Protein backbone atom coordinates (compact mmCIF):
# COMPACT_ATOMS: atom_id res chain seq x y z
CA MET A 1 9.53 8.38 -66.63
CA ARG A 2 7.12 6.29 -64.28
CA ARG A 3 6.60 9.40 -62.50
CA ALA A 4 3.93 10.36 -65.18
CA LEU A 5 1.63 7.69 -63.78
CA SER A 6 0.73 10.31 -60.95
CA LEU A 7 1.32 13.51 -62.53
CA THR A 8 -2.37 13.64 -63.66
CA LEU A 9 -3.87 11.56 -60.74
CA ALA A 10 -0.83 11.64 -61.37
CA ALA A 11 -13.12 -13.44 -64.91
CA THR A 12 -11.49 -16.17 -66.54
CA ALA A 13 -8.22 -16.64 -67.41
CA VAL A 14 -7.55 -16.19 -71.47
CA SER A 15 -4.87 -18.71 -73.17
CA ALA A 16 -2.95 -17.56 -76.25
CA THR A 17 -5.18 -19.35 -78.63
CA ALA A 18 -8.59 -18.21 -76.76
CA ILE A 19 -8.65 -15.74 -79.57
CA PRO A 20 -8.57 -16.63 -83.20
CA GLY A 21 -5.37 -15.07 -84.57
CA VAL A 22 -3.59 -14.65 -81.42
CA SER A 23 -0.80 -17.53 -82.47
CA VAL A 24 0.92 -17.13 -85.89
CA ALA A 25 -2.32 -16.08 -88.28
CA THR A 26 -0.42 -13.32 -89.79
CA THR A 27 3.50 -13.86 -89.47
CA PRO A 28 4.86 -10.17 -88.88
CA ASP A 29 7.65 -8.96 -91.17
CA THR A 30 11.31 -9.13 -90.18
CA VAL A 31 12.05 -5.96 -88.28
CA ARG A 32 14.09 -3.38 -90.02
CA TRP A 33 16.26 -1.15 -87.62
CA GLY A 34 17.06 2.46 -88.24
CA PRO A 35 17.94 5.50 -86.77
CA CYS A 36 15.52 7.17 -84.11
CA SER A 37 13.86 10.58 -84.49
CA GLU A 38 16.08 13.18 -82.71
CA LYS A 39 13.43 13.41 -79.67
CA LYS A 40 13.57 9.76 -78.41
CA ALA A 41 17.34 9.36 -79.45
CA ALA A 42 18.61 9.66 -75.90
CA SER A 43 21.44 7.56 -76.59
CA PRO A 44 22.86 7.66 -80.46
CA ARG A 45 23.24 3.78 -79.96
CA LEU A 46 19.22 3.43 -79.75
CA GLU A 47 17.68 2.16 -82.97
CA CYS A 48 13.95 2.16 -83.89
CA SER A 49 11.13 0.89 -86.06
CA THR A 50 7.64 -0.36 -86.46
CA LEU A 51 5.52 -3.18 -86.82
CA LYS A 52 2.08 -3.72 -87.66
CA VAL A 53 -0.26 -5.35 -85.80
CA PRO A 54 -4.02 -6.41 -85.85
CA LEU A 55 -6.22 -3.64 -83.91
CA ASP A 56 -8.74 -6.75 -83.24
CA TYR A 57 -7.04 -9.90 -83.23
CA ARG A 58 -10.46 -11.61 -83.29
CA ASN A 59 -9.91 -10.73 -87.01
CA PRO A 60 -6.25 -11.07 -87.51
CA ASP A 61 -6.50 -10.05 -91.22
CA GLY A 62 -8.74 -7.04 -90.65
CA ARG A 63 -7.13 -3.54 -89.67
CA GLN A 64 -3.61 -2.87 -88.58
CA ILE A 65 -2.10 -0.49 -86.49
CA GLU A 66 1.36 0.47 -85.89
CA ILE A 67 3.67 -0.23 -82.95
CA ALA A 68 6.73 1.60 -82.80
CA ILE A 69 9.62 0.02 -81.22
CA SER A 70 13.49 0.64 -80.19
CA ARG A 71 16.62 -1.52 -79.47
CA LEU A 72 19.60 -0.98 -77.67
CA ALA A 73 21.35 -3.79 -78.82
CA SER A 74 24.36 -5.56 -76.76
CA LYS A 75 27.71 -4.98 -77.87
CA GLU A 76 29.08 -8.31 -76.72
CA PRO A 77 28.16 -11.45 -79.41
CA SER A 78 29.69 -13.90 -76.78
CA LYS A 79 27.41 -12.98 -73.57
CA HIS A 80 24.17 -11.95 -75.75
CA ARG A 81 21.50 -14.51 -74.38
CA GLY A 82 18.27 -12.86 -76.16
CA VAL A 83 15.75 -9.91 -75.82
CA LEU A 84 14.79 -7.84 -72.84
CA LEU A 85 11.75 -6.21 -73.16
CA THR A 86 10.85 -3.10 -71.27
CA ASN A 87 7.82 -0.83 -70.26
CA PRO A 88 8.14 2.23 -67.83
CA GLY A 89 4.59 2.14 -66.65
CA GLY A 90 1.56 4.55 -67.29
CA PRO A 91 -0.73 3.01 -69.17
CA GLY A 92 -0.25 6.02 -71.63
CA ILE A 93 3.56 6.58 -71.33
CA SER A 94 5.99 6.17 -74.32
CA GLY A 95 8.29 3.22 -73.78
CA LEU A 96 10.35 4.07 -76.89
CA GLY A 97 13.10 5.88 -75.32
CA TYR A 98 13.17 3.77 -72.10
CA PRO A 99 16.46 1.37 -72.80
CA ALA A 100 18.29 4.61 -72.89
CA VAL A 101 16.74 5.58 -69.93
CA LEU A 102 17.66 2.65 -68.06
CA ALA A 103 21.07 2.42 -69.51
CA ALA A 104 21.99 6.10 -68.47
CA SER A 105 20.00 5.01 -65.01
CA GLY A 106 22.54 2.25 -63.63
CA LEU A 107 21.41 -0.53 -65.65
CA PRO A 108 24.57 -2.93 -65.05
CA GLN A 109 27.00 -3.42 -68.10
CA LYS A 110 26.22 -7.22 -67.28
CA VAL A 111 22.41 -6.87 -68.13
CA LEU A 112 23.42 -4.56 -71.09
CA ASP A 113 25.58 -7.36 -72.28
CA SER A 114 23.45 -10.15 -72.10
CA TYR A 115 20.38 -8.46 -73.57
CA ASP A 116 19.04 -6.54 -76.70
CA VAL A 117 17.12 -4.27 -74.56
CA ILE A 118 13.72 -3.63 -76.51
CA GLY A 119 11.65 -0.57 -75.83
CA PHE A 120 8.04 -0.05 -77.46
CA ASP A 121 5.28 2.57 -77.62
CA PRO A 122 2.30 0.57 -76.40
CA ARG A 123 -0.98 0.74 -78.54
CA GLY A 124 -2.75 3.97 -78.38
CA THR A 125 0.23 5.70 -77.24
CA GLY A 126 3.28 8.12 -78.65
CA ARG A 127 4.43 6.93 -81.81
CA SER A 128 2.17 4.03 -81.91
CA THR A 129 -1.08 4.29 -83.46
CA PRO A 130 -2.36 6.87 -81.05
CA VAL A 131 -5.70 7.69 -79.68
CA THR A 132 -7.58 10.91 -78.27
CA CYS A 133 -10.41 11.99 -76.03
CA ASP A 134 -10.40 15.37 -77.65
CA LEU A 135 -9.51 16.94 -74.03
CA THR A 136 -9.94 20.70 -73.82
CA PRO A 137 -6.93 22.55 -72.05
CA ALA A 138 -8.93 22.94 -69.29
CA GLN A 139 -9.67 19.16 -68.99
CA ARG A 140 -5.94 18.50 -69.24
CA ASN A 141 -5.73 21.03 -66.67
CA ARG A 142 -7.97 19.17 -64.53
CA GLY A 143 -6.00 15.91 -64.69
CA ASN A 144 -7.06 12.64 -63.90
CA LEU A 145 -7.20 13.06 -60.07
CA PRO A 146 -11.01 14.26 -59.10
CA PRO A 147 -11.68 17.10 -56.83
CA TYR A 148 -11.31 16.30 -53.16
CA ALA A 149 -14.94 15.07 -52.07
CA HIS A 150 -15.98 16.35 -48.30
CA THR A 151 -19.38 15.38 -49.06
CA ALA A 152 -21.67 13.23 -50.99
CA ALA A 153 -22.49 16.07 -53.12
CA ASP A 154 -19.07 16.94 -54.20
CA VAL A 155 -18.90 13.30 -55.93
CA ALA A 156 -22.14 14.23 -57.59
CA ARG A 157 -20.71 17.07 -58.79
CA ALA A 158 -17.79 15.62 -60.25
CA ALA A 159 -19.76 12.89 -62.37
CA GLY A 160 -20.54 15.81 -64.97
CA ASN A 161 -17.29 16.18 -66.08
CA ALA A 162 -16.87 12.36 -65.70
CA ARG A 163 -19.47 11.46 -68.04
CA THR A 164 -18.43 14.44 -70.53
CA ILE A 165 -14.86 12.80 -71.06
CA ALA A 166 -16.13 9.41 -71.14
CA LYS A 167 -18.52 10.54 -74.35
CA GLN A 168 -15.85 12.63 -75.98
CA CYS A 169 -13.31 9.41 -75.92
CA ALA A 170 -16.28 7.24 -77.38
CA VAL A 171 -16.73 9.81 -79.99
CA SER A 172 -13.45 10.98 -80.98
CA LYS A 173 -11.96 10.19 -84.39
CA THR A 174 -10.33 6.97 -82.48
CA GLY A 175 -13.44 5.86 -80.83
CA SER A 176 -13.44 2.73 -82.63
CA MET A 177 -10.38 1.45 -80.99
CA LEU A 178 -11.86 2.01 -77.91
CA PRO A 179 -12.53 -1.61 -77.03
CA HIS A 180 -9.50 -3.07 -78.49
CA THR A 181 -6.90 -0.30 -76.50
CA THR A 182 -6.38 -3.01 -73.36
CA THR A 183 -3.53 -4.65 -71.38
CA ALA A 184 -4.38 -8.06 -72.86
CA ASN A 185 -4.08 -6.66 -76.34
CA THR A 186 -0.79 -5.14 -75.62
CA ALA A 187 0.18 -8.37 -74.48
CA ARG A 188 -0.55 -9.67 -77.57
CA ASP A 189 1.49 -6.90 -79.34
CA MET A 190 4.52 -8.14 -77.11
CA ASP A 191 4.14 -11.31 -78.69
CA ARG A 192 4.23 -10.20 -82.05
CA ILE A 193 7.73 -8.05 -81.13
CA ARG A 194 8.81 -11.68 -80.25
CA GLU A 195 8.11 -13.36 -83.23
CA ALA A 196 9.31 -10.31 -85.50
CA LEU A 197 12.73 -10.52 -83.69
CA GLY A 198 12.95 -14.35 -84.38
CA GLU A 199 12.96 -14.91 -80.71
CA PRO A 200 11.41 -18.37 -79.35
CA LYS A 201 11.17 -16.55 -75.74
CA LEU A 202 11.47 -13.01 -74.41
CA SER A 203 12.58 -11.64 -70.88
CA TYR A 204 10.84 -8.44 -69.39
CA LEU A 205 11.46 -5.69 -66.90
CA GLY A 206 8.30 -3.57 -66.28
CA GLY A 207 7.69 -1.24 -63.54
CA SER A 208 4.10 0.16 -62.26
CA TYR A 209 1.73 -0.09 -64.84
CA GLY A 210 4.40 -2.29 -66.35
CA SER A 211 4.10 -4.88 -63.61
CA TYR A 212 0.32 -5.82 -64.74
CA LEU A 213 1.73 -5.85 -68.31
CA GLY A 214 4.18 -8.13 -67.49
CA ALA A 215 1.74 -10.52 -65.40
CA VAL A 216 -0.58 -10.38 -68.42
CA TYR A 217 1.91 -11.26 -70.85
CA THR A 218 3.24 -13.98 -68.74
CA THR A 219 -0.18 -15.70 -68.36
CA LEU A 220 -1.40 -15.65 -71.64
CA PHE A 221 2.02 -16.54 -73.10
CA PRO A 222 3.69 -18.51 -70.11
CA GLY A 223 5.60 -20.97 -72.82
CA HIS A 224 7.05 -17.68 -74.67
CA SER A 225 8.26 -16.07 -71.31
CA ASP A 226 11.73 -16.22 -70.36
CA ARG A 227 13.01 -14.32 -67.26
CA ILE A 228 10.39 -12.03 -66.10
CA VAL A 229 10.94 -8.94 -63.45
CA LEU A 230 8.05 -7.16 -62.00
CA ASP A 231 8.92 -3.81 -60.29
CA SER A 232 6.50 -1.77 -58.21
CA ASN A 233 3.46 -3.79 -58.46
CA LEU A 234 -0.06 -3.47 -58.95
CA GLY A 235 -2.33 -6.16 -57.52
CA PRO A 236 -3.73 -8.83 -59.43
CA GLY A 237 -6.56 -6.86 -60.85
CA GLY A 238 -4.16 -4.28 -62.72
CA TYR A 239 -5.11 -0.42 -62.84
CA ASP A 240 -8.79 -0.80 -61.58
CA VAL A 241 -10.78 0.96 -59.01
CA THR A 242 -9.09 -0.78 -56.11
CA ALA A 243 -5.73 0.18 -57.57
CA MET A 244 -6.87 3.80 -57.94
CA ARG A 245 -8.55 3.82 -53.87
CA LEU A 246 -4.84 2.15 -52.99
CA PHE A 247 -3.19 5.72 -54.05
CA ALA A 248 -4.54 6.78 -50.89
CA ARG A 249 -2.99 4.24 -48.70
CA GLY A 250 0.09 4.67 -50.85
CA MET A 251 0.34 8.13 -49.49
CA GLU A 252 -0.09 7.56 -46.38
CA ASP A 253 2.42 4.64 -46.39
CA ARG A 254 4.94 7.17 -47.67
CA PHE A 255 4.18 10.46 -45.95
CA PRO A 256 5.90 9.90 -42.96
CA ASP A 257 9.54 9.64 -44.81
CA PHE A 258 8.78 13.04 -46.13
CA ALA A 259 7.60 14.36 -42.58
CA ALA A 260 10.63 13.10 -41.13
CA PHE A 261 12.61 15.12 -43.81
CA ALA A 262 10.86 18.65 -43.50
CA ALA A 263 10.98 18.38 -39.55
CA ALA A 264 14.78 17.71 -39.84
CA ARG A 265 15.25 20.77 -41.59
CA PRO A 266 14.07 23.94 -39.84
CA GLU A 267 14.77 26.43 -42.71
CA TYR A 268 11.75 25.29 -44.77
CA GLY A 269 9.52 26.67 -41.80
CA LEU A 270 7.16 23.22 -41.76
CA GLY A 271 7.31 22.59 -38.49
CA THR A 272 9.62 20.84 -36.40
CA THR A 273 8.20 17.35 -35.41
CA PRO A 274 6.77 14.77 -38.12
CA GLU A 275 3.50 15.74 -36.28
CA LYS A 276 3.58 19.17 -36.92
CA VAL A 277 4.35 18.64 -40.43
CA THR A 278 1.72 16.32 -41.20
CA ALA A 279 -0.70 19.07 -39.50
CA LYS A 280 0.82 21.63 -41.98
CA PHE A 281 -0.44 19.23 -45.12
CA PHE A 282 -3.76 19.67 -43.77
CA GLU A 283 -3.83 23.53 -42.85
CA LEU A 284 -2.47 24.15 -46.32
CA ALA A 285 -4.86 21.53 -48.28
CA LYS A 286 -7.58 23.53 -46.03
CA ARG A 287 -6.57 27.01 -46.80
CA LEU A 288 -5.85 26.21 -50.52
CA GLU A 289 -9.68 24.95 -51.11
CA ALA A 290 -10.80 28.16 -49.52
CA LYS A 291 -8.57 30.27 -51.57
CA PRO A 292 -6.24 29.10 -54.22
CA VAL A 293 -2.71 30.77 -54.53
CA ARG A 294 -0.70 30.86 -57.58
CA GLY A 295 -3.16 28.70 -59.39
CA VAL A 296 -3.03 25.84 -56.74
CA ASP A 297 -6.18 24.44 -55.07
CA GLY A 298 -6.39 22.14 -52.50
CA THR A 299 -6.64 19.17 -54.78
CA LEU A 300 -3.94 20.13 -57.06
CA PHE A 301 -1.72 20.54 -53.74
CA ARG A 302 -2.54 17.06 -52.63
CA GLY A 303 -2.09 15.53 -56.22
CA VAL A 304 1.56 17.16 -56.72
CA THR A 305 2.53 16.59 -53.10
CA PHE A 306 1.71 12.83 -53.67
CA ASP A 307 3.44 13.12 -57.28
CA ARG A 308 6.72 14.15 -55.45
CA LEU A 309 6.82 11.50 -53.05
CA TYR A 310 7.78 9.07 -55.65
CA SER A 311 11.20 10.16 -55.01
CA ASP A 312 13.42 10.90 -52.26
CA ALA A 313 15.34 13.23 -54.75
CA SER A 314 12.23 15.23 -54.94
CA MET A 315 11.87 15.61 -51.57
CA PRO A 316 13.37 19.22 -51.29
CA LEU A 317 11.51 20.91 -54.42
CA LEU A 318 8.04 19.68 -52.34
CA ALA A 319 9.49 21.12 -48.91
CA GLU A 320 10.07 24.39 -51.42
CA MET A 321 6.74 24.42 -52.66
CA TRP A 322 5.07 24.27 -49.42
CA GLN A 323 6.91 26.67 -48.38
CA ALA A 324 6.02 28.94 -51.49
CA LEU A 325 2.29 28.31 -51.06
CA ASP A 326 2.82 28.89 -47.20
CA LYS A 327 3.93 32.35 -47.59
CA ASP A 328 2.32 33.11 -51.04
CA ARG A 329 6.05 33.61 -52.55
CA PRO A 330 7.03 32.09 -56.59
CA LEU A 331 6.80 28.57 -57.18
CA PRO A 332 9.59 26.34 -57.96
CA PRO A 333 10.23 25.58 -61.53
CA ASP A 334 7.65 22.94 -63.24
CA THR A 335 5.42 23.52 -60.22
CA PRO A 336 2.65 22.38 -61.03
CA PRO A 337 3.79 20.24 -63.92
CA SER A 338 2.24 21.58 -67.47
CA MET A 339 -0.27 19.72 -68.77
CA ASP A 340 -0.13 21.01 -72.37
CA ASP A 341 1.25 17.94 -74.36
CA MET A 342 -0.75 15.32 -71.70
CA GLU A 343 -3.79 14.82 -73.75
CA SER A 344 -2.42 11.80 -75.49
CA PHE A 345 -1.18 10.26 -72.16
CA MET A 346 -4.58 10.97 -70.50
CA ALA A 347 -6.22 9.62 -73.31
CA ALA A 348 -4.45 6.32 -73.75
CA ARG A 349 -4.64 5.86 -69.73
CA PHE A 350 -8.73 6.39 -70.18
CA TYR A 351 -8.94 3.92 -72.74
CA VAL A 352 -6.69 1.07 -70.91
CA ILE A 353 -7.93 1.59 -67.36
CA CYS A 354 -11.61 1.98 -68.14
CA GLY A 355 -11.48 -0.72 -70.66
CA ASP A 356 -9.65 -3.52 -68.72
CA SER A 357 -12.25 -4.15 -66.16
CA ARG A 358 -15.49 -2.62 -65.21
CA TRP A 359 -15.75 0.11 -62.79
CA PRO A 360 -18.78 0.93 -60.32
CA GLY A 361 -21.35 2.59 -62.40
CA THR A 362 -23.50 4.30 -59.97
CA ILE A 363 -22.57 7.53 -57.97
CA ARG A 364 -23.74 6.22 -54.92
CA GLU A 365 -21.15 3.58 -54.72
CA TYR A 366 -18.19 6.46 -55.43
CA GLN A 367 -20.04 8.47 -52.47
CA ARG A 368 -19.80 5.13 -50.14
CA ASN A 369 -16.07 4.61 -51.06
CA VAL A 370 -15.28 8.20 -50.49
CA ALA A 371 -17.06 8.03 -47.05
CA VAL A 372 -14.91 5.10 -46.14
CA ASP A 373 -11.45 6.58 -47.73
CA ARG A 374 -12.03 9.81 -46.45
CA LEU A 375 -11.70 8.73 -43.19
CA GLU A 376 -9.46 6.04 -43.13
CA TYR A 377 -6.89 7.80 -45.54
CA PRO A 378 -7.64 11.68 -45.15
CA MET A 379 -4.71 12.88 -47.02
CA LEU A 380 -5.91 11.61 -50.68
CA GLY A 381 -8.76 9.01 -50.27
CA GLY A 382 -11.36 11.83 -50.81
CA SER A 383 -9.96 12.20 -54.28
CA THR A 384 -8.64 8.74 -55.35
CA ALA A 385 -12.00 7.09 -54.11
CA SER A 386 -14.26 9.62 -56.17
CA ILE A 387 -15.87 9.32 -59.59
CA GLY A 388 -14.13 9.08 -63.24
CA PRO A 389 -14.72 8.84 -66.46
CA CYS A 390 -14.75 4.97 -66.19
CA ALA A 391 -18.10 5.02 -64.16
CA PHE A 392 -19.50 5.86 -67.55
CA TRP A 393 -17.29 3.83 -69.77
CA PRO A 394 -19.43 2.40 -72.94
CA ALA A 395 -20.64 -1.35 -71.85
CA GLU A 396 -19.05 -3.37 -74.71
CA ARG A 397 -16.29 -5.59 -73.45
CA VAL A 398 -14.48 -7.70 -76.07
CA GLU A 399 -13.11 -10.29 -73.48
CA PRO A 400 -12.96 -10.37 -69.61
CA PRO A 401 -10.11 -9.32 -67.82
CA VAL A 402 -7.12 -11.65 -67.63
CA ARG A 403 -6.92 -13.75 -64.71
CA ILE A 404 -3.55 -13.93 -63.09
CA GLY A 405 -2.59 -17.21 -61.43
CA ASP A 406 -0.27 -19.81 -60.71
CA ARG A 407 -0.42 -21.86 -64.00
CA GLY A 408 2.75 -21.57 -65.96
CA PRO A 409 6.63 -21.92 -65.48
CA SER A 410 8.49 -20.31 -62.11
CA ASN A 411 9.87 -17.66 -63.66
CA VAL A 412 8.65 -14.46 -62.06
CA LEU A 413 10.71 -12.28 -59.78
CA MET A 414 8.62 -9.52 -58.08
CA VAL A 415 10.43 -6.42 -56.83
CA GLN A 416 8.85 -3.66 -54.29
CA ASN A 417 9.51 -0.54 -51.97
CA GLU A 418 7.76 -1.10 -48.69
CA ARG A 419 6.70 2.35 -48.94
CA ASP A 420 5.90 2.94 -52.52
CA PRO A 421 2.95 5.66 -52.99
CA GLY A 422 1.92 4.82 -56.45
CA THR A 423 1.84 0.89 -55.95
CA PRO A 424 1.76 -0.04 -52.41
CA LEU A 425 3.08 -2.85 -50.69
CA ALA A 426 -0.91 -4.21 -50.18
CA GLY A 427 -1.30 -4.80 -53.89
CA ALA A 428 2.01 -6.19 -54.44
CA GLN A 429 1.70 -8.65 -51.57
CA GLU A 430 -2.03 -9.60 -53.52
CA LEU A 431 -0.19 -10.10 -56.73
CA ARG A 432 2.45 -12.29 -54.99
CA ARG A 433 -0.34 -14.41 -53.37
CA ALA A 434 -2.10 -14.70 -56.85
CA PHE A 435 1.04 -16.05 -58.38
CA GLY A 436 1.85 -18.72 -55.91
CA LYS A 437 4.71 -20.75 -56.71
CA ARG A 438 5.41 -19.00 -60.27
CA ALA A 439 6.55 -15.82 -58.33
CA THR A 440 9.00 -14.91 -55.51
CA MET A 441 8.86 -11.35 -54.20
CA VAL A 442 11.84 -8.98 -52.91
CA THR A 443 11.08 -5.88 -50.93
CA ALA A 444 13.35 -3.10 -50.16
CA ASP A 445 13.18 -1.37 -46.83
CA GLN A 446 12.94 2.05 -48.51
CA GLY A 447 10.14 4.83 -49.77
CA GLY A 448 9.43 5.88 -53.51
CA HIS A 449 8.18 4.38 -56.50
CA GLY A 450 10.73 2.41 -58.86
CA VAL A 451 13.26 -0.29 -57.47
CA TYR A 452 15.63 -1.51 -60.41
CA PRO A 453 17.77 0.01 -61.23
CA PHE A 454 16.90 3.60 -59.85
CA GLY A 455 16.84 2.68 -55.86
CA PRO A 456 19.69 2.49 -54.16
CA ASN A 457 19.25 -0.74 -52.36
CA THR A 458 21.84 -2.84 -53.54
CA CYS A 459 20.48 -6.14 -51.78
CA ALA A 460 17.40 -5.85 -54.21
CA ASN A 461 19.51 -4.37 -57.08
CA ASP A 462 21.81 -7.37 -57.02
CA THR A 463 19.17 -10.23 -56.95
CA VAL A 464 17.46 -8.54 -59.96
CA THR A 465 20.61 -8.48 -61.70
CA ALA A 466 21.51 -12.15 -60.79
CA PHE A 467 18.27 -13.00 -61.96
CA LEU A 468 18.65 -11.64 -65.44
CA THR A 469 22.01 -12.74 -66.12
CA ALA A 470 22.34 -15.91 -64.33
CA GLY A 471 19.04 -17.01 -63.82
CA GLU A 472 19.42 -17.02 -59.93
CA ARG A 473 16.64 -16.61 -58.14
CA PRO A 474 16.25 -16.37 -54.42
CA SER A 475 14.60 -19.81 -53.17
CA ARG A 476 12.01 -18.04 -51.28
CA ASP A 477 10.81 -14.28 -50.55
CA LEU A 478 13.25 -11.95 -49.55
CA ALA A 479 13.48 -8.84 -47.25
CA CYS A 480 16.32 -6.58 -47.71
CA ALA A 481 17.21 -4.43 -45.10
CA ALA A 482 17.12 -0.44 -45.09
CA GLU A 483 20.67 0.45 -46.34
CA PRO A 484 22.50 3.97 -45.17
CA SER A 485 22.30 6.72 -47.67
CA LYS A 486 25.41 7.09 -49.81
């Protein structure tokens, strides 16, 4: 589910009482669980419900919106110790089915026995009151990754599309939600879920953007935080302009793994050495920019390549795609991924990332960023440093970004792959420094996006399980060595 992050690429600290109504001005109703819809019922044991929360926490008795929640309940009352709230990333991704996904992906039975695993669709997303930007099919297919900019003029041309989308979001029927669809308010919704479940504290497992959501939650509500696991970590600024530019570094960190994979398999015909595979990347990108093949242009080629680097399991499909484009043959299934049903995801993503922090507001600054990143990270830097809708976002901000710091209990475990394309190690290290004594970080010598429980590194996985089930956390940062493939 975290792969959807890439499919379309693809201030002062705020205390829990800084905004009126953040505590218990309006006590949530007790949750009434029932069956989930067929679409979300990835497990027959998954139960669903809804909860009303304030759109604007400064006015807790004003307009209410709906938050959809789910539960995979522990079947071992004697081992049950609380709730484990989860988030798969995004922003914009549904998390309602995520407890079932985790269980099916190897979440250890000890964890399933210890917790009721809770999922939810964050505000603006999925079955929670959704937002829209009225994106056209052409805008959806263009995705969230700006066209690769080779020149300053390319950046200026991309500004028109960015400005149009920002205006569409603001004037849409959900435009009134725009100032309030933020990570900080989603964290406040999480605390309302905790209250509604009758829990004094909650534990948390969040990956990718969910790492930032968890960091914000435990900053706003340190006294309500139990065991906090942050996986595949964004930097302390969350999904801001820095994180967007870091995608290009992440691709360069990760690409050598694919280059070695393809070079070792001459049947793909992509090069017999990693250097030749790398040269093939730039050759294909240049050819497709000049003349797209089967609907794939240079920007889409770069973006889908980036996406497929999220998992080792996707590398054969990526190699087949390159081979098909090189020879003008039919593409593998779901290549490129369909964007038909992605309007809600793309809109919610814009609302959150553009509303959380201020992005550069002048075309000239993006032109400078592109000039730097195109040279330093040529595979993707001309796209990820270029201009998007956040440059033209309405100026209104309800509050400054939450500042992640070292105040609060030492109850955060960060887990991170060394070669993560979506949330590079460099950003995770920044977050680790910001947390100070609050956190310990485990790094795994492996590539891909997502460690627990999806990755094969038993050292990293066992460390997270011990923390969630027994409260055991390494006394200092831990580096887990590479392990042979099974």
